[in-house]
Amino acid sequence: MPTSPDEEPTAWKDELLRRLHKMSPVAFEQFCVYLLRRYGLELTHVGGTGDEGIDAIGTAPMSPVLSATVAVQMKRYEP
């Protein structure tokens, strides 16, 4: 039985990577946008053919009164 977070089994990580690599490129981008939105970013998915590398654009909160415009590029590499 694991006694610390460093000793936790990694089977779930392997399964997550396997599922991420099975996604289509567009599904992967949409999943990444979903995760970033959960962290407070306000993003619009703009990826696709001819997107010139930008997959999402929007704003990221920096403080309660300040935000920044962001452009996001998602990358998925083979393991």
PDB file of N, CA and C in Angstrom:
ATOM      1  N   MET A   1       0.848  -1.181   0.000  1.00  0.00           N
ATOM      2  CA  MET A   1       0.000   0.000   0.000  1.00  0.00           C
ATOM      3  C   MET A   1       0.894   1.245   0.000  1.00  0.00           C
ATOM      4  N   PRO A   2       0.581   2.254  -0.854  1.00  0.00           N
ATOM      5  CA  PRO A   2       1.409   3.459  -0.911  1.00  0.00           C
ATOM      6  C   PRO A   2       1.376   4.222   0.404  1.00  0.00           C
ATOM      7  N   THR A   3       2.513   4.781   0.775  1.00  0.00           N
ATOM      8  CA  THR A   3       2.582   5.546   2.016  1.00  0.00           C
ATOM      9  C   THR A   3       2.726   7.044   1.754  1.00  0.00           C
ATOM     10  N   SER A   4       3.035   7.427   0.510  1.00  0.00           N
ATOM     11  CA  SER A   4       3.149   8.842   0.158  1.00  0.00           C
ATOM     12  C   SER A   4       2.703   9.029  -1.292  1.00  0.00           C
ATOM     13  N   PRO A   5       2.392  10.279  -1.675  1.00  0.00           N
ATOM     14  CA  PRO A   5       1.977  10.522  -3.061  1.00  0.00           C
ATOM     15  C   PRO A   5       3.021  10.090  -4.088  1.00  0.00           C
ATOM     16  N   ASP A   6       4.298  10.136  -3.714  1.00  0.00           N
ATOM     17  CA  ASP A   6       5.359   9.737  -4.636  1.00  0.00           C
ATOM     18  C   ASP A   6       5.350   8.242  -4.918  1.00  0.00           C
ATOM     19  N   GLU A   7       4.729   7.476  -4.042  1.00  0.00           N
ATOM     20  CA  GLU A   7       4.725   6.027  -4.185  1.00  0.00           C
ATOM     21  C   GLU A   7       3.421   5.489  -4.782  1.00  0.00           C
ATOM     22  N   GLU A   8       2.503   6.375  -5.178  1.00  0.00           N
ATOM     23  CA  GLU A   8       1.219   5.934  -5.723  1.00  0.00           C
ATOM     24  C   GLU A   8       1.426   5.164  -7.018  1.00  0.00           C
ATOM     25  N   PRO A   9       0.594   4.153  -7.262  1.00  0.00           N
ATOM     26  CA  PRO A   9       0.683   3.425  -8.533  1.00  0.00           C
ATOM     27  C   PRO A   9       0.445   4.387  -9.701  1.00  0.00           C
ATOM     28  N   THR A  10       1.078   4.139 -10.823  1.00  0.00           N
ATOM     29  CA  THR A  10       0.965   5.033 -11.974  1.00  0.00           C
ATOM     30  C   THR A  10       0.054   4.483 -13.058  1.00  0.00           C
ATOM     31  N   ALA A  11      -0.702   3.443 -12.778  1.00  0.00           N
ATOM     32  CA  ALA A  11      -1.574   2.848 -13.798  1.00  0.00           C
ATOM     33  C   ALA A  11      -2.557   3.871 -14.349  1.00  0.00           C
ATOM     34  N   TRP A  12      -3.091   4.752 -13.505  1.00  0.00           N
ATOM     35  CA  TRP A  12      -4.052   5.735 -13.991  1.00  0.00           C
ATOM     36  C   TRP A  12      -3.396   6.723 -14.954  1.00  0.00           C
ATOM     37  N   LYS A  13      -2.116   7.038 -14.737  1.00  0.00           N
ATOM     38  CA  LYS A  13      -1.412   7.955 -15.630  1.00  0.00           C
ATOM     39  C   LYS A  13      -1.228   7.320 -16.998  1.00  0.00           C
ATOM     40  N   ASP A  14      -0.870   6.049 -17.018  1.00  0.00           N
ATOM     41  CA  ASP A  14      -0.713   5.333 -18.284  1.00  0.00           C
ATOM     42  C   ASP A  14      -2.034   5.270 -19.038  1.00  0.00           C
ATOM     43  N   GLU A  15      -3.121   5.027 -18.313  1.00  0.00           N
ATOM     44  CA  GLU A  15      -4.447   4.966 -18.942  1.00  0.00           C
ATOM     45  C   GLU A  15      -4.859   6.328 -19.484  1.00  0.00           C
ATOM     46  N   LEU A  16      -4.596   7.384 -18.737  1.00  0.00           N
ATOM     47  CA  LEU A  16      -4.916   8.732 -19.202  1.00  0.00           C
ATOM     48  C   LEU A  16      -4.155   9.052 -20.486  1.00  0.00           C
ATOM     49  N   LEU A  17      -2.867   8.783 -20.519  1.00  0.00           N
ATOM     50  CA  LEU A  17      -2.071   9.035 -21.723  1.00  0.00           C
ATOM     51  C   LEU A  17      -2.579   8.221 -22.906  1.00  0.00           C
ATOM     52  N   ARG A  18      -2.944   6.972 -22.660  1.00  0.00           N
ATOM     53  CA  ARG A  18      -3.463   6.128 -23.734  1.00  0.00           C
ATOM     54  C   ARG A  18      -4.734   6.737 -24.315  1.00  0.00           C
ATOM     55  N   ARG A  19      -5.622   7.195 -23.456  1.00  0.00           N
ATOM     56  CA  ARG A  19      -6.879   7.784 -23.931  1.00  0.00           C
ATOM     57  C   ARG A  19      -6.654   9.105 -24.647  1.00  0.00           C
ATOM     58  N   LEU A  20      -5.741   9.929 -24.148  1.00  0.00           N
ATOM     59  CA  LEU A  20      -5.439  11.203 -24.815  1.00  0.00           C
ATOM     60  C   LEU A  20      -4.896  10.972 -26.217  1.00  0.00           C
ATOM     61  N   HIS A  21      -4.072   9.952 -26.369  1.00  0.00           N
ATOM     62  CA  HIS A  21      -3.484   9.666 -27.683  1.00  0.00           C
ATOM     63  C   HIS A  21      -4.479   9.030 -28.644  1.00  0.00           C
ATOM     64  N   LYS A  22      -5.568   8.480 -28.124  1.00  0.00           N
ATOM     65  CA  LYS A  22      -6.601   7.910 -28.987  1.00  0.00           C
ATOM     66  C   LYS A  22      -7.549   8.979 -29.529  1.00  0.00           C
ATOM     67  N   MET A  23      -7.562  10.166 -28.919  1.00  0.00           N
ATOM     68  CA  MET A  23      -8.463  11.242 -29.348  1.00  0.00           C
ATOM     69  C   MET A  23      -8.040  11.774 -30.708  1.00  0.00           C
ATOM     70  N   SER A  24      -9.019  12.284 -31.447  1.00  0.00           N
ATOM     71  CA  SER A  24      -8.696  12.996 -32.685  1.00  0.00           C
ATOM     72  C   SER A  24      -8.003  14.303 -32.305  1.00  0.00           C
ATOM     73  N   PRO A  25      -7.278  14.918 -33.231  1.00  0.00           N
ATOM     74  CA  PRO A  25      -6.627  16.192 -32.917  1.00  0.00           C
ATOM     75  C   PRO A  25      -7.614  17.263 -32.429  1.00  0.00           C
ATOM     76  N   VAL A  26      -8.773  17.353 -33.062  1.00  0.00           N
ATOM     77  CA  VAL A  26      -9.763  18.363 -32.658  1.00  0.00           C
ATOM     78  C   VAL A  26     -10.310  18.038 -31.267  1.00  0.00           C
ATOM     79  N   ALA A  27     -10.599  16.774 -30.995  1.00  0.00           N
ATOM     80  CA  ALA A  27     -11.100  16.384 -29.676  1.00  0.00           C
ATOM     81  C   ALA A  27     -10.059  16.696 -28.606  1.00  0.00           C
ATOM     82  N   PHE A  28      -8.786  16.457 -28.895  1.00  0.00           N
ATOM     83  CA  PHE A  28      -7.718  16.764 -27.938  1.00  0.00           C
ATOM     84  C   PHE A  28      -7.684  18.262 -27.637  1.00  0.00           C
ATOM     85  N   GLU A  29      -7.780  19.094 -28.687  1.00  0.00           N
ATOM     86  CA  GLU A  29      -7.785  20.543 -28.493  1.00  0.00           C
ATOM     87  C   GLU A  29      -8.987  20.966 -27.658  1.00  0.00           C
ATOM     88  N   GLN A  30     -10.157  20.420 -27.947  1.00  0.00           N
ATOM     89  CA  GLN A  30     -11.357  20.783 -27.203  1.00  0.00           C
ATOM     90  C   GLN A  30     -11.244  20.362 -25.739  1.00  0.00           C
ATOM     91  N   PHE A  31     -10.637  19.210 -25.483  1.00  0.00           N
ATOM     92  CA  PHE A  31     -10.427  18.758 -24.114  1.00  0.00           C
ATOM     93  C   PHE A  31      -9.488  19.716 -23.376  1.00  0.00           C
ATOM     94  N   CYS A  32      -8.421  20.136 -24.033  1.00  0.00           N
ATOM     95  CA  CYS A  32      -7.482  21.078 -23.413  1.00  0.00           C
ATOM     96  C   CYS A  32      -8.166  22.411 -23.108  1.00  0.00           C
ATOM     97  N   VAL A  33      -8.994  22.893 -24.026  1.00  0.00           N
ATOM     98  CA  VAL A  33      -9.737  24.133 -23.792  1.00  0.00           C
ATOM     99  C   VAL A  33     -10.655  23.963 -22.584  1.00  0.00           C
ATOM    100  N   TYR A  34     -11.325  22.819 -22.501  1.00  0.00           N
ATOM    101  CA  TYR A  34     -12.194  22.534 -21.350  1.00  0.00           C
ATOM    102  C   TYR A  34     -11.401  22.617 -20.038  1.00  0.00           C
ATOM    103  N   LEU A  35     -10.231  21.978 -20.000  1.00  0.00           N
ATOM    104  CA  LEU A  35      -9.418  22.002 -18.775  1.00  0.00           C
ATOM    105  C   LEU A  35      -8.987  23.424 -18.415  1.00  0.00           C
ATOM    106  N   LEU A  36      -8.552  24.190 -19.407  1.00  0.00           N
ATOM    107  CA  LEU A  36      -8.113  25.564 -19.142  1.00  0.00           C
ATOM    108  C   LEU A  36      -9.274  26.440 -18.675  1.00  0.00           C
ATOM    109  N   ARG A  37     -10.467  26.195 -19.209  1.00  0.00           N
ATOM    110  CA  ARG A  37     -11.642  26.936 -18.735  1.00  0.00           C
ATOM    111  C   ARG A  37     -11.919  26.618 -17.270  1.00  0.00           C
ATOM    112  N   ARG A  38     -11.701  25.386 -16.868  1.00  0.00           N
ATOM    113  CA  ARG A  38     -11.913  24.999 -15.465  1.00  0.00           C
ATOM    114  C   ARG A  38     -10.946  25.753 -14.542  1.00  0.00           C
ATOM    115  N   TYR A  39      -9.813  26.219 -15.071  1.00  0.00           N
ATOM    116  CA  TYR A  39      -8.845  27.002 -14.305  1.00  0.00           C
ATOM    117  C   TYR A  39      -9.095  28.500 -14.419  1.00  0.00           C
ATOM    118  N   GLY A  40     -10.231  28.880 -15.022  1.00  0.00           N
ATOM    119  CA  GLY A  40     -10.621  30.283 -15.037  1.00  0.00           C
ATOM    120  C   GLY A  40     -10.354  31.044 -16.325  1.00  0.00           C
ATOM    121  N   LEU A  41      -9.733  30.426 -17.306  1.00  0.00           N
ATOM    122  CA  LEU A  41      -9.512  31.120 -18.562  1.00  0.00           C
ATOM    123  C   LEU A  41     -10.815  31.180 -19.348  1.00  0.00           C
ATOM    124  N   GLU A  42     -11.027  32.276 -20.051  1.00  0.00           N
ATOM    125  CA  GLU A  42     -12.185  32.420 -20.923  1.00  0.00           C
ATOM    126  C   GLU A  42     -11.678  32.260 -22.348  1.00  0.00           C
ATOM    127  N   LEU A  43     -11.870  31.066 -22.921  1.00  0.00           N
ATOM    128  CA  LEU A  43     -11.283  30.741 -24.212  1.00  0.00           C
ATOM    129  C   LEU A  43     -12.330  30.368 -25.252  1.00  0.00           C
ATOM    130  N   THR A  44     -11.989  30.666 -26.501  1.00  0.00           N
ATOM    131  CA  THR A  44     -12.753  30.208 -27.652  1.00  0.00           C
ATOM    132  C   THR A  44     -11.839  29.323 -28.472  1.00  0.00           C
ATOM    133  N   HIS A  45     -12.311  28.129 -28.801  1.00  0.00           N
ATOM    134  CA  HIS A  45     -11.517  27.205 -29.627  1.00  0.00           C
ATOM    135  C   HIS A  45     -11.543  27.705 -31.066  1.00  0.00           C
ATOM    136  N   VAL A  46     -10.366  27.946 -31.641  1.00  0.00           N
ATOM    137  CA  VAL A  46     -10.268  28.433 -33.016  1.00  0.00           C
ATOM    138  C   VAL A  46      -9.392  27.528 -33.868  1.00  0.00           C
ATOM    139  N   GLY A  47      -8.963  26.395 -33.308  1.00  0.00           N
ATOM    140  CA  GLY A  47      -8.067  25.494 -34.013  1.00  0.00           C
ATOM    141  C   GLY A  47      -8.721  24.859 -35.219  1.00  0.00           C
ATOM    142  N   GLY A  48      -7.897  24.212 -35.997  1.00  0.00           N
ATOM    143  CA  GLY A  48      -8.350  23.529 -37.200  1.00  0.00           C
ATOM    144  C   GLY A  48      -7.389  23.795 -38.335  1.00  0.00           C
ATOM    145  N   THR A  49      -7.741  23.338 -39.506  1.00  0.00           N
ATOM    146  CA  THR A  49      -6.886  23.536 -40.667  1.00  0.00           C
ATOM    147  C   THR A  49      -6.676  25.026 -40.915  1.00  0.00           C
ATOM    148  N   GLY A  50      -5.419  25.410 -41.079  1.00  0.00           N
ATOM    149  CA  GLY A  50      -5.089  26.802 -41.360  1.00  0.00           C
ATOM    150  C   GLY A  50      -5.130  27.713 -40.151  1.00  0.00           C
ATOM    151  N   ASP A  51      -5.063  27.164 -38.941  1.00  0.00           N
ATOM    152  CA  ASP A  51      -5.133  28.002 -37.737  1.00  0.00           C
ATOM    153  C   ASP A  51      -3.808  28.678 -37.420  1.00  0.00           C
ATOM    154  N   GLU A  52      -2.785  28.401 -38.195  1.00  0.00           N
ATOM    155  CA  GLU A  52      -1.449  28.994 -38.025  1.00  0.00           C
ATOM    156  C   GLU A  52      -0.892  28.767 -36.617  1.00  0.00           C
ATOM    157  N   GLY A  53      -1.262  27.653 -36.005  1.00  0.00           N
ATOM    158  CA  GLY A  53      -0.697  27.276 -34.717  1.00  0.00           C
ATOM    159  C   GLY A  53      -1.494  27.707 -33.511  1.00  0.00           C
ATOM    160  N   ILE A  54      -2.448  28.613 -33.666  1.00  0.00           N
ATOM    161  CA  ILE A  54      -3.251  29.065 -32.531  1.00  0.00           C
ATOM    162  C   ILE A  54      -4.492  28.183 -32.442  1.00  0.00           C
ATOM    163  N   ASP A  55      -4.671  27.540 -31.299  1.00  0.00           N
ATOM    164  CA  ASP A  55      -5.800  26.627 -31.115  1.00  0.00           C
ATOM    165  C   ASP A  55      -6.929  27.236 -30.291  1.00  0.00           C
ATOM    166  N   ALA A  56      -6.616  28.227 -29.485  1.00  0.00           N
ATOM    167  CA  ALA A  56      -7.639  28.901 -28.674  1.00  0.00           C
ATOM    168  C   ALA A  56      -7.161  30.316 -28.383  1.00  0.00           C
ATOM    169  N   ILE A  57      -8.118  31.200 -28.213  1.00  0.00           N
ATOM    170  CA  ILE A  57      -7.795  32.597 -27.886  1.00  0.00           C
ATOM    171  C   ILE A  57      -8.811  33.093 -26.868  1.00  0.00           C
ATOM    172  N   GLY A  58      -8.361  33.990 -26.000  1.00  0.00           N
ATOM    173  CA  GLY A  58      -9.273  34.524 -24.990  1.00  0.00           C
ATOM    174  C   GLY A  58      -8.545  35.331 -23.952  1.00  0.00           C
ATOM    175  N   THR A  59      -9.053  35.265 -22.719  1.00  0.00           N
ATOM    176  CA  THR A  59      -8.447  36.029 -21.626  1.00  0.00           C
ATOM    177  C   THR A  59      -8.124  35.115 -20.454  1.00  0.00           C
ATOM    178  N   ALA A  60      -7.077  35.496 -19.746  1.00  0.00           N
ATOM    179  CA  ALA A  60      -6.656  34.776 -18.549  1.00  0.00           C
ATOM    180  C   ALA A  60      -6.638  35.760 -17.385  1.00  0.00           C
ATOM    181  N   PRO A  61      -7.318  35.438 -16.289  1.00  0.00           N
ATOM    182  CA  PRO A  61      -7.304  36.335 -15.134  1.00  0.00           C
ATOM    183  C   PRO A  61      -5.918  36.354 -14.481  1.00  0.00           C
ATOM    184  N   MET A  62      -5.466  37.543 -14.139  1.00  0.00           N
ATOM    185  CA  MET A  62      -4.178  37.681 -13.457  1.00  0.00           C
ATOM    186  C   MET A  62      -4.379  38.135 -12.014  1.00  0.00           C
ATOM    187  N   SER A  63      -5.505  38.780 -11.756  1.00  0.00           N
ATOM    188  CA  SER A  63      -5.887  39.224 -10.417  1.00  0.00           C
ATOM    189  C   SER A  63      -7.389  39.521 -10.476  1.00  0.00           C
ATOM    190  N   PRO A  64      -7.986  39.892  -9.380  1.00  0.00           N
ATOM    191  CA  PRO A  64      -9.418  40.204  -9.424  1.00  0.00           C
ATOM    192  C   PRO A  64      -9.774  41.369 -10.355  1.00  0.00           C
ATOM    193  N   VAL A  65      -8.800  42.222 -10.682  1.00  0.00           N
ATOM    194  CA  VAL A  65      -9.094  43.386 -11.529  1.00  0.00           C
ATOM    195  C   VAL A  65      -8.271  43.437 -12.812  1.00  0.00           C
ATOM    196  N   LEU A  66      -7.428  42.446 -13.051  1.00  0.00           N
ATOM    197  CA  LEU A  66      -6.540  42.482 -14.202  1.00  0.00           C
ATOM    198  C   LEU A  66      -6.580  41.154 -14.941  1.00  0.00           C
ATOM    199  N   SER A  67      -6.633  41.228 -16.273  1.00  0.00           N
ATOM    200  CA  SER A  67      -6.590  40.013 -17.093  1.00  0.00           C
ATOM    201  C   SER A  67      -5.691  40.276 -18.291  1.00  0.00           C
ATOM    202  N   ALA A  68      -5.330  39.216 -18.986  1.00  0.00           N
ATOM    203  CA  ALA A  68      -4.466  39.329 -20.152  1.00  0.00           C
ATOM    204  C   ALA A  68      -5.085  38.563 -21.313  1.00  0.00           C
ATOM    205  N   THR A  69      -4.895  39.081 -22.507  1.00  0.00           N
ATOM    206  CA  THR A  69      -5.311  38.362 -23.703  1.00  0.00           C
ATOM    207  C   THR A  69      -4.291  37.266 -23.956  1.00  0.00           C
ATOM    208  N   VAL A  70      -4.781  36.053 -24.248  1.00  0.00           N
ATOM    209  CA  VAL A  70      -3.886  34.922 -24.463  1.00  0.00           C
ATOM    210  C   VAL A  70      -4.239  34.194 -25.756  1.00  0.00           C
ATOM    211  N   ALA A  71      -3.218  33.638 -26.363  1.00  0.00           N
ATOM    212  CA  ALA A  71      -3.373  32.721 -27.484  1.00  0.00           C
ATOM    213  C   ALA A  71      -2.718  31.419 -27.045  1.00  0.00           C
ATOM    214  N   VAL A  72      -3.406  30.285 -27.261  1.00  0.00           N
ATOM    215  CA  VAL A  72      -2.939  29.012 -26.759  1.00  0.00           C
ATOM    216  C   VAL A  72      -2.703  28.052 -27.922  1.00  0.00           C
ATOM    217  N   GLN A  73      -1.582  27.369 -27.862  1.00  0.00           N
ATOM    218  CA  GLN A  73      -1.268  26.332 -28.848  1.00  0.00           C
ATOM    219  C   GLN A  73      -1.111  25.016 -28.091  1.00  0.00           C
ATOM    220  N   MET A  74      -1.905  24.017 -28.482  1.00  0.00           N
ATOM    221  CA  MET A  74      -1.829  22.721 -27.854  1.00  0.00           C
ATOM    222  C   MET A  74      -0.905  21.814 -28.664  1.00  0.00           C
ATOM    223  N   LYS A  75      -0.120  21.019 -27.975  1.00  0.00           N
ATOM    224  CA  LYS A  75       0.781  20.058 -28.624  1.00  0.00           C
ATOM    225  C   LYS A  75       0.582  18.701 -27.978  1.00  0.00           C
ATOM    226  N   ARG A  76       0.543  17.690 -28.811  1.00  0.00           N
ATOM    227  CA  ARG A  76       0.441  16.316 -28.314  1.00  0.00           C
ATOM    228  C   ARG A  76       1.511  15.521 -29.040  1.00  0.00           C
ATOM    229  N   TYR A  77       2.447  14.994 -28.284  1.00  0.00           N
ATOM    230  CA  TYR A  77       3.547  14.221 -28.859  1.00  0.00           C
ATOM    231  C   TYR A  77       3.370  12.747 -28.567  1.00  0.00           C
ATOM    232  N   GLU A  78       3.877  11.917 -29.444  1.00  0.00           N
ATOM    233  CA  GLU A  78       3.851  10.479 -29.225  1.00  0.00           C
ATOM    234  C   GLU A  78       4.718  10.154 -28.010  1.00  0.00           C
ATOM    235  N   PRO A  79       4.281   9.176 -27.222  1.00  0.00           N
ATOM    236  CA  PRO A  79       5.079   8.834 -26.032  1.00  0.00           C
ATOM    237  C   PRO A  79       6.456   8.277 -26.399  1.00  0.00           C
TER     238      PRO A  79
END
